[in-house]
Amino acid sequence: MPRVNKDIEELIKLKEKCGRFRVLVIGRANAGKTTICQKMCNTTQAAVARDARGKMVEVSPSNERGLHDINMEIIYPDNPGFIFHDSCGLEAGSEAEKATIFEFVRSRSKARNLRDQLHCIWFCIPMNDARPWIEAEKSFFSQDRSKGRPVFSHKELHS
């Protein structure tokens, strides 16, 4: 059997074990988090979310900094193959916000089932700000906080 077929078989087995790809999205307000999630899911449709108890919760993107529950699962019905988690962001630089993010990554890295683990972190950075990198963001990258998960960064340019 050609190697390509074996690779496809392995991917199918992994997909069955994993179910959906789980992504933590980090970024300041108006950093392009919703945009990148919609592009990954090839949709313009609004997201739906469930809290830790499985109850549906309204999701509405905003340019304002809001309160987010990092444990909430955000899904786009057009492509339910992804589960997104939205952090509160690091713009305030609060130690509590950083601790919440790092604890979420740590706990997800210890999950027994692959489907419950965090598969990657997407860090969105707005480039229309006079301070493209703030100290709290720098500290995320200066410490090994990804627990072996790939971290992608995305910069959103606004005119």
N, C-alpha and C. Protein backbone atom coordinates (compact mmCIF):
# COMPACT_ATOMS: atom_id res chain seq x y z
N MET A 1 0.86 -1.18 0.00
CA MET A 1 0.00 0.00 0.00
C MET A 1 0.90 1.25 0.00
N PRO A 2 0.64 2.20 -0.90
CA PRO A 2 1.45 3.41 -0.94
C PRO A 2 1.41 4.18 0.38
N ARG A 3 2.50 4.90 0.66
CA ARG A 3 2.63 5.67 1.91
C ARG A 3 1.50 6.69 2.07
N VAL A 4 1.04 7.31 0.98
CA VAL A 4 -0.02 8.31 1.04
C VAL A 4 -1.29 7.69 1.64
N ASN A 5 -1.64 6.49 1.22
CA ASN A 5 -2.83 5.82 1.75
C ASN A 5 -2.68 5.54 3.24
N LYS A 6 -1.48 5.14 3.68
CA LYS A 6 -1.26 4.89 5.10
C LYS A 6 -1.39 6.19 5.90
N ASP A 7 -0.88 7.28 5.35
CA ASP A 7 -1.00 8.58 6.02
C ASP A 7 -2.46 8.99 6.14
N ILE A 8 -3.23 8.78 5.10
CA ILE A 8 -4.66 9.12 5.13
C ILE A 8 -5.37 8.26 6.17
N GLU A 9 -5.03 6.97 6.22
CA GLU A 9 -5.64 6.08 7.22
C GLU A 9 -5.32 6.57 8.63
N GLU A 10 -4.07 6.98 8.86
CA GLU A 10 -3.67 7.49 10.18
C GLU A 10 -4.44 8.76 10.53
N LEU A 11 -4.61 9.64 9.55
CA LEU A 11 -5.37 10.87 9.79
C LEU A 11 -6.83 10.58 10.13
N ILE A 12 -7.41 9.62 9.44
CA ILE A 12 -8.80 9.23 9.72
C ILE A 12 -8.92 8.69 11.14
N LYS A 13 -7.98 7.84 11.56
CA LYS A 13 -8.00 7.30 12.92
C LYS A 13 -7.85 8.42 13.95
N LEU A 14 -6.95 9.35 13.68
CA LEU A 14 -6.74 10.48 14.59
C LEU A 14 -7.99 11.34 14.68
N LYS A 15 -8.63 11.59 13.55
CA LYS A 15 -9.87 12.38 13.52
C LYS A 15 -10.96 11.69 14.34
N GLU A 16 -11.05 10.37 14.24
CA GLU A 16 -12.04 9.63 15.02
C GLU A 16 -11.77 9.75 16.52
N LYS A 17 -10.50 9.70 16.92
CA LYS A 17 -10.14 9.83 18.33
C LYS A 17 -10.39 11.24 18.84
N CYS A 18 -10.04 12.20 18.00
CA CYS A 18 -10.06 13.61 18.40
C CYS A 18 -11.45 14.21 18.34
N GLY A 19 -12.21 13.86 17.34
CA GLY A 19 -13.53 14.47 17.16
C GLY A 19 -13.40 15.83 16.50
N ARG A 20 -13.16 16.84 17.31
CA ARG A 20 -13.03 18.20 16.78
C ARG A 20 -11.70 18.81 17.24
N PHE A 21 -11.21 19.74 16.46
CA PHE A 21 -9.94 20.40 16.73
C PHE A 21 -10.20 21.56 17.69
N ARG A 22 -9.54 21.54 18.86
CA ARG A 22 -9.78 22.51 19.93
C ARG A 22 -8.70 23.59 19.90
N VAL A 23 -9.14 24.87 19.78
CA VAL A 23 -8.23 26.01 19.63
C VAL A 23 -8.51 27.06 20.70
N LEU A 24 -7.47 27.50 21.40
CA LEU A 24 -7.57 28.64 22.31
C LEU A 24 -7.18 29.88 21.51
N VAL A 25 -8.07 30.88 21.48
CA VAL A 25 -7.82 32.13 20.76
C VAL A 25 -7.56 33.22 21.79
N ILE A 26 -6.39 33.84 21.68
CA ILE A 26 -5.99 34.89 22.61
C ILE A 26 -5.80 36.18 21.83
N GLY A 27 -6.24 37.29 22.38
CA GLY A 27 -6.00 38.58 21.74
C GLY A 27 -6.82 39.68 22.37
N ARG A 28 -6.35 40.88 22.16
CA ARG A 28 -7.06 42.05 22.67
C ARG A 28 -8.36 42.25 21.90
N ALA A 29 -9.21 43.12 22.44
CA ALA A 29 -10.44 43.50 21.73
C ALA A 29 -10.05 44.07 20.37
N ASN A 30 -10.80 43.70 19.34
CA ASN A 30 -10.59 44.18 17.97
C ASN A 30 -9.26 43.71 17.37
N ALA A 31 -8.80 42.56 17.81
CA ALA A 31 -7.54 42.01 17.29
C ALA A 31 -7.77 41.07 16.11
N GLY A 32 -9.03 40.77 15.79
CA GLY A 32 -9.33 39.90 14.66
C GLY A 32 -9.63 38.47 15.06
N LYS A 33 -9.95 38.22 16.34
CA LYS A 33 -10.21 36.85 16.80
C LYS A 33 -11.43 36.24 16.09
N THR A 34 -12.53 36.96 16.06
CA THR A 34 -13.73 36.42 15.41
C THR A 34 -13.49 36.22 13.92
N THR A 35 -12.81 37.15 13.29
CA THR A 35 -12.52 37.05 11.86
C THR A 35 -11.71 35.80 11.55
N ILE A 36 -10.67 35.54 12.32
CA ILE A 36 -9.83 34.38 12.02
C ILE A 36 -10.59 33.08 12.28
N CYS A 37 -11.44 33.05 13.31
CA CYS A 37 -12.24 31.84 13.56
C CYS A 37 -13.22 31.59 12.41
N GLN A 38 -13.87 32.65 11.93
CA GLN A 38 -14.79 32.51 10.82
C GLN A 38 -14.06 32.05 9.55
N LYS A 39 -12.87 32.59 9.32
CA LYS A 39 -12.10 32.18 8.13
C LYS A 39 -11.67 30.73 8.23
N MET A 40 -11.28 30.30 9.43
CA MET A 40 -10.90 28.89 9.60
C MET A 40 -12.08 27.97 9.32
N CYS A 41 -13.28 28.44 9.63
CA CYS A 41 -14.50 27.63 9.43
C CYS A 41 -15.18 27.93 8.11
N ASN A 42 -14.60 28.82 7.31
CA ASN A 42 -15.15 29.19 6.02
C ASN A 42 -16.62 29.61 6.13
N THR A 43 -16.88 30.56 7.04
CA THR A 43 -18.24 31.02 7.27
C THR A 43 -18.27 32.49 7.66
N THR A 44 -19.41 33.10 7.48
CA THR A 44 -19.66 34.44 8.02
C THR A 44 -20.77 34.35 9.08
N GLN A 45 -21.22 33.14 9.31
CA GLN A 45 -22.29 32.87 10.26
C GLN A 45 -21.84 33.17 11.69
N ALA A 46 -22.77 33.54 12.54
CA ALA A 46 -22.47 33.77 13.95
C ALA A 46 -22.18 32.44 14.65
N ALA A 47 -21.38 32.53 15.69
CA ALA A 47 -21.03 31.35 16.48
C ALA A 47 -22.11 31.03 17.49
N VAL A 48 -22.10 29.79 17.94
CA VAL A 48 -22.93 29.38 19.08
C VAL A 48 -21.97 28.90 20.15
N ALA A 49 -22.39 29.02 21.40
CA ALA A 49 -21.51 28.63 22.49
C ALA A 49 -22.27 27.85 23.54
N ARG A 50 -21.53 27.02 24.24
CA ARG A 50 -22.07 26.25 25.36
C ARG A 50 -21.17 26.46 26.56
N ASP A 51 -21.81 26.63 27.72
CA ASP A 51 -21.02 26.77 28.94
C ASP A 51 -20.60 25.38 29.42
N ALA A 52 -19.94 25.32 30.56
CA ALA A 52 -19.41 24.06 31.08
C ALA A 52 -20.51 23.03 31.35
N ARG A 53 -21.74 23.49 31.57
CA ARG A 53 -22.86 22.57 31.81
C ARG A 53 -23.57 22.18 30.52
N GLY A 54 -23.11 22.69 29.38
CA GLY A 54 -23.72 22.37 28.10
C GLY A 54 -24.86 23.28 27.71
N LYS A 55 -25.13 24.32 28.51
CA LYS A 55 -26.22 25.26 28.22
C LYS A 55 -25.79 26.25 27.14
N MET A 56 -26.68 26.47 26.16
CA MET A 56 -26.41 27.43 25.09
C MET A 56 -26.30 28.84 25.66
N VAL A 57 -25.30 29.58 25.17
CA VAL A 57 -25.03 30.95 25.62
C VAL A 57 -24.90 31.82 24.39
N GLU A 58 -25.45 33.02 24.42
CA GLU A 58 -25.35 33.94 23.29
C GLU A 58 -23.92 34.45 23.14
N VAL A 59 -23.46 34.48 21.91
CA VAL A 59 -22.12 34.99 21.60
C VAL A 59 -22.29 36.18 20.68
N SER A 60 -21.72 37.31 21.06
CA SER A 60 -21.80 38.48 20.19
C SER A 60 -20.44 39.17 20.16
N PRO A 61 -19.79 39.20 18.99
CA PRO A 61 -18.50 39.87 18.90
C PRO A 61 -18.64 41.35 19.20
N SER A 62 -17.57 41.92 19.75
CA SER A 62 -17.62 43.32 20.15
C SER A 62 -16.25 43.94 19.99
N ASN A 63 -16.23 45.24 19.75
CA ASN A 63 -14.98 45.97 19.72
C ASN A 63 -14.53 46.35 21.12
N GLU A 64 -15.40 46.17 22.08
CA GLU A 64 -15.10 46.52 23.46
C GLU A 64 -14.54 45.30 24.19
N ARG A 65 -13.72 45.57 25.17
CA ARG A 65 -13.18 44.51 26.00
C ARG A 65 -14.29 44.00 26.90
N GLY A 66 -14.52 42.71 26.85
CA GLY A 66 -15.60 42.15 27.64
C GLY A 66 -15.11 41.05 28.55
N LEU A 67 -16.03 40.50 29.29
CA LEU A 67 -15.71 39.38 30.14
C LEU A 67 -15.99 38.10 29.37
N HIS A 68 -15.05 37.20 29.38
CA HIS A 68 -15.17 35.95 28.66
C HIS A 68 -14.94 34.81 29.62
N ASP A 69 -15.61 33.70 29.37
CA ASP A 69 -15.37 32.48 30.13
C ASP A 69 -14.54 31.59 29.23
N ILE A 70 -13.28 31.44 29.54
CA ILE A 70 -12.36 30.68 28.71
C ILE A 70 -12.80 29.22 28.54
N ASN A 71 -13.61 28.72 29.47
CA ASN A 71 -14.06 27.33 29.39
C ASN A 71 -15.25 27.13 28.46
N MET A 72 -15.87 28.23 28.01
CA MET A 72 -17.00 28.14 27.10
C MET A 72 -16.52 27.60 25.75
N GLU A 73 -17.28 26.66 25.19
CA GLU A 73 -16.96 26.10 23.86
C GLU A 73 -17.72 26.88 22.80
N ILE A 74 -16.98 27.45 21.85
CA ILE A 74 -17.57 28.24 20.78
C ILE A 74 -17.44 27.44 19.48
N ILE A 75 -18.58 27.30 18.80
CA ILE A 75 -18.63 26.49 17.58
C ILE A 75 -19.38 27.26 16.49
N TYR A 76 -18.93 27.10 15.25
CA TYR A 76 -19.63 27.67 14.10
C TYR A 76 -20.39 26.53 13.43
N PRO A 77 -21.73 26.60 13.40
CA PRO A 77 -22.54 25.51 12.86
C PRO A 77 -22.18 25.10 11.43
N ASP A 78 -21.68 26.04 10.61
CA ASP A 78 -21.29 25.69 9.24
C ASP A 78 -20.11 24.74 9.20
N ASN A 79 -19.28 24.74 10.25
CA ASN A 79 -18.12 23.87 10.31
C ASN A 79 -17.88 23.48 11.77
N PRO A 80 -18.61 22.50 12.27
CA PRO A 80 -18.48 22.13 13.68
C PRO A 80 -17.23 21.31 13.98
N GLY A 81 -16.30 21.23 13.04
CA GLY A 81 -15.06 20.48 13.25
C GLY A 81 -14.06 21.20 14.15
N PHE A 82 -14.38 22.43 14.55
CA PHE A 82 -13.51 23.19 15.43
C PHE A 82 -14.28 23.58 16.69
N ILE A 83 -13.58 23.58 17.81
CA ILE A 83 -14.09 24.15 19.06
C ILE A 83 -13.10 25.26 19.42
N PHE A 84 -13.64 26.47 19.61
CA PHE A 84 -12.80 27.60 19.99
C PHE A 84 -13.05 27.97 21.45
N HIS A 85 -12.01 28.41 22.11
CA HIS A 85 -12.10 28.96 23.46
C HIS A 85 -11.52 30.37 23.37
N ASP A 86 -12.25 31.36 23.87
CA ASP A 86 -11.84 32.76 23.80
C ASP A 86 -11.36 33.21 25.17
N SER A 87 -10.11 33.65 25.22
CA SER A 87 -9.59 34.14 26.50
C SER A 87 -10.07 35.56 26.74
N CYS A 88 -9.94 36.00 27.95
CA CYS A 88 -10.31 37.37 28.30
C CYS A 88 -9.31 38.34 27.70
N GLY A 89 -8.16 37.86 27.29
CA GLY A 89 -7.14 38.72 26.72
C GLY A 89 -6.14 39.15 27.77
N LEU A 90 -5.08 39.75 27.30
CA LEU A 90 -4.00 40.14 28.19
C LEU A 90 -3.80 41.65 28.26
N GLU A 91 -4.72 42.41 27.64
CA GLU A 91 -4.47 43.85 27.53
C GLU A 91 -4.41 44.58 28.86
N ALA A 92 -5.12 44.09 29.84
CA ALA A 92 -5.08 44.76 31.15
C ALA A 92 -3.81 44.38 31.90
N GLY A 93 -3.18 43.31 31.48
CA GLY A 93 -1.93 42.90 32.11
C GLY A 93 -2.13 42.30 33.50
N SER A 94 -3.35 41.99 33.85
CA SER A 94 -3.60 41.48 35.19
C SER A 94 -3.02 40.08 35.37
N GLU A 95 -2.45 39.87 36.53
CA GLU A 95 -1.89 38.56 36.85
C GLU A 95 -3.00 37.50 36.89
N ALA A 96 -4.20 37.91 37.31
CA ALA A 96 -5.33 36.97 37.37
C ALA A 96 -5.69 36.49 35.96
N GLU A 97 -5.70 37.39 34.98
CA GLU A 97 -6.02 37.00 33.60
C GLU A 97 -4.96 36.04 33.06
N LYS A 98 -3.69 36.37 33.28
CA LYS A 98 -2.62 35.48 32.83
C LYS A 98 -2.74 34.12 33.50
N ALA A 99 -3.00 34.12 34.81
CA ALA A 99 -3.12 32.85 35.53
C ALA A 99 -4.27 32.01 35.00
N THR A 100 -5.39 32.65 34.65
CA THR A 100 -6.54 31.92 34.10
C THR A 100 -6.16 31.24 32.78
N ILE A 101 -5.47 31.98 31.91
CA ILE A 101 -5.04 31.42 30.63
C ILE A 101 -4.08 30.26 30.85
N PHE A 102 -3.07 30.47 31.69
CA PHE A 102 -2.06 29.44 31.90
C PHE A 102 -2.65 28.20 32.58
N GLU A 103 -3.62 28.39 33.48
CA GLU A 103 -4.28 27.26 34.13
C GLU A 103 -5.14 26.48 33.12
N PHE A 104 -5.80 27.19 32.23
CA PHE A 104 -6.61 26.54 31.19
C PHE A 104 -5.71 25.66 30.32
N VAL A 105 -4.58 26.21 29.87
CA VAL A 105 -3.65 25.45 29.03
C VAL A 105 -3.12 24.24 29.81
N ARG A 106 -2.75 24.45 31.07
CA ARG A 106 -2.23 23.35 31.89
C ARG A 106 -3.27 22.25 32.07
N SER A 107 -4.49 22.63 32.43
CA SER A 107 -5.52 21.62 32.67
C SER A 107 -5.89 20.87 31.40
N ARG A 108 -5.97 21.57 30.28
CA ARG A 108 -6.29 20.90 29.01
C ARG A 108 -5.14 19.99 28.57
N SER A 109 -3.91 20.33 28.92
CA SER A 109 -2.79 19.47 28.53
C SER A 109 -2.77 18.18 29.34
N LYS A 110 -3.44 18.18 30.50
CA LYS A 110 -3.50 16.98 31.34
C LYS A 110 -4.73 16.12 31.07
N ALA A 111 -5.61 16.57 30.19
CA ALA A 111 -6.83 15.81 29.89
C ALA A 111 -6.45 14.43 29.34
N ARG A 112 -7.16 13.42 29.78
CA ARG A 112 -6.85 12.04 29.35
C ARG A 112 -7.24 11.80 27.90
N ASN A 113 -8.40 12.29 27.50
CA ASN A 113 -8.89 12.05 26.15
C ASN A 113 -8.38 13.12 25.19
N LEU A 114 -7.96 12.68 24.03
CA LEU A 114 -7.47 13.60 23.01
C LEU A 114 -8.52 14.64 22.66
N ARG A 115 -9.79 14.27 22.65
CA ARG A 115 -10.86 15.20 22.28
C ARG A 115 -11.01 16.32 23.29
N ASP A 116 -10.55 16.14 24.52
CA ASP A 116 -10.65 17.17 25.56
C ASP A 116 -9.40 18.04 25.66
N GLN A 117 -8.34 17.63 24.99
CA GLN A 117 -7.09 18.38 25.05
C GLN A 117 -7.14 19.61 24.15
N LEU A 118 -6.29 20.55 24.47
CA LEU A 118 -6.11 21.74 23.63
C LEU A 118 -5.13 21.37 22.53
N HIS A 119 -5.50 21.65 21.27
CA HIS A 119 -4.66 21.24 20.15
C HIS A 119 -3.75 22.34 19.64
N CYS A 120 -4.16 23.59 19.77
CA CYS A 120 -3.26 24.69 19.42
C CYS A 120 -3.75 25.98 20.06
N ILE A 121 -2.89 26.98 20.03
CA ILE A 121 -3.19 28.32 20.54
C ILE A 121 -3.00 29.30 19.40
N TRP A 122 -3.99 30.15 19.19
CA TRP A 122 -3.90 31.18 18.14
C TRP A 122 -3.87 32.53 18.83
N PHE A 123 -2.77 33.25 18.66
CA PHE A 123 -2.55 34.52 19.33
C PHE A 123 -2.73 35.64 18.31
N CYS A 124 -3.76 36.46 18.46
CA CYS A 124 -4.07 37.54 17.52
C CYS A 124 -3.51 38.86 18.06
N ILE A 125 -2.77 39.56 17.22
CA ILE A 125 -2.11 40.79 17.63
C ILE A 125 -2.52 41.92 16.69
N PRO A 126 -3.18 42.96 17.20
CA PRO A 126 -3.56 44.08 16.32
C PRO A 126 -2.33 44.94 16.00
N MET A 127 -2.17 45.26 14.74
CA MET A 127 -1.00 46.03 14.33
C MET A 127 -1.33 47.50 14.11
N ASN A 128 -2.56 47.91 14.41
CA ASN A 128 -2.92 49.31 14.26
C ASN A 128 -2.79 50.07 15.58
N ASP A 129 -2.15 49.45 16.55
CA ASP A 129 -1.96 50.02 17.87
C ASP A 129 -0.55 50.61 17.94
N ALA A 130 -0.39 51.70 18.65
CA ALA A 130 0.93 52.31 18.80
C ALA A 130 1.87 51.37 19.57
N ARG A 131 1.30 50.45 20.35
CA ARG A 131 2.09 49.47 21.11
C ARG A 131 1.72 48.07 20.63
N PRO A 132 2.29 47.58 19.52
CA PRO A 132 1.88 46.28 19.02
C PRO A 132 2.08 45.15 20.03
N TRP A 133 3.08 45.23 20.87
CA TRP A 133 3.30 44.20 21.89
C TRP A 133 3.25 44.85 23.26
N ILE A 134 2.40 44.33 24.12
CA ILE A 134 2.37 44.81 25.49
C ILE A 134 3.11 43.80 26.37
N GLU A 135 3.48 44.21 27.55
CA GLU A 135 4.29 43.36 28.43
C GLU A 135 3.65 42.01 28.70
N ALA A 136 2.36 41.97 28.95
CA ALA A 136 1.69 40.70 29.24
C ALA A 136 1.79 39.74 28.05
N GLU A 137 1.70 40.28 26.82
CA GLU A 137 1.83 39.43 25.64
C GLU A 137 3.26 38.91 25.52
N LYS A 138 4.22 39.78 25.75
CA LYS A 138 5.63 39.35 25.70
C LYS A 138 5.89 38.24 26.71
N SER A 139 5.29 38.36 27.90
CA SER A 139 5.54 37.35 28.93
C SER A 139 4.97 35.99 28.53
N PHE A 140 3.88 35.97 27.75
CA PHE A 140 3.32 34.70 27.29
C PHE A 140 4.35 33.95 26.45
N PHE A 141 5.03 34.68 25.57
CA PHE A 141 5.99 34.05 24.68
C PHE A 141 7.35 33.84 25.33
N SER A 142 7.66 34.56 26.39
CA SER A 142 8.97 34.41 27.03
C SER A 142 9.00 33.24 28.00
N GLN A 143 7.84 32.69 28.33
CA GLN A 143 7.77 31.54 29.23
C GLN A 143 7.17 30.37 28.47
N ASP A 144 7.55 29.18 28.86
CA ASP A 144 7.00 27.99 28.19
C ASP A 144 5.61 27.71 28.73
N ARG A 145 4.61 28.42 28.22
CA ARG A 145 3.24 28.28 28.72
C ARG A 145 2.36 27.52 27.75
N SER A 146 2.86 27.14 26.59
CA SER A 146 2.01 26.45 25.62
C SER A 146 1.89 24.96 25.90
N LYS A 147 2.72 24.45 26.79
CA LYS A 147 2.69 23.03 27.17
C LYS A 147 2.79 22.13 25.93
N GLY A 148 3.65 22.52 25.00
CA GLY A 148 3.89 21.70 23.82
C GLY A 148 2.88 21.88 22.71
N ARG A 149 1.90 22.77 22.87
CA ARG A 149 0.92 23.02 21.82
C ARG A 149 1.49 24.02 20.84
N PRO A 150 1.22 23.83 19.55
CA PRO A 150 1.68 24.84 18.59
C PRO A 150 0.99 26.17 18.85
N VAL A 151 1.74 27.25 18.74
CA VAL A 151 1.20 28.59 18.91
C VAL A 151 1.36 29.33 17.59
N PHE A 152 0.26 29.85 17.07
CA PHE A 152 0.27 30.62 15.84
C PHE A 152 -0.03 32.06 16.20
N SER A 153 0.60 32.99 15.51
CA SER A 153 0.23 34.38 15.73
C SER A 153 -0.35 34.93 14.44
N HIS A 154 -1.19 35.91 14.61
CA HIS A 154 -1.91 36.51 13.48
C HIS A 154 -1.98 38.00 13.75
N LYS A 155 -1.58 38.79 12.78
CA LYS A 155 -1.71 40.24 12.97
C LYS A 155 -2.77 40.78 12.03
N GLU A 156 -3.66 41.53 12.60
CA GLU A 156 -4.78 42.10 11.84
C GLU A 156 -4.48 43.56 11.59
N LEU A 157 -4.47 43.94 10.32
CA LEU A 157 -4.25 45.33 9.96
C LEU A 157 -5.57 45.97 9.62
N HIS A 158 -5.86 47.09 10.21
CA HIS A 158 -7.09 47.84 9.94
C HIS A 158 -6.73 49.18 9.36
N SER A 159 -7.49 49.63 8.38
CA SER A 159 -7.20 50.94 7.81
C SER A 159 -7.99 52.01 8.50
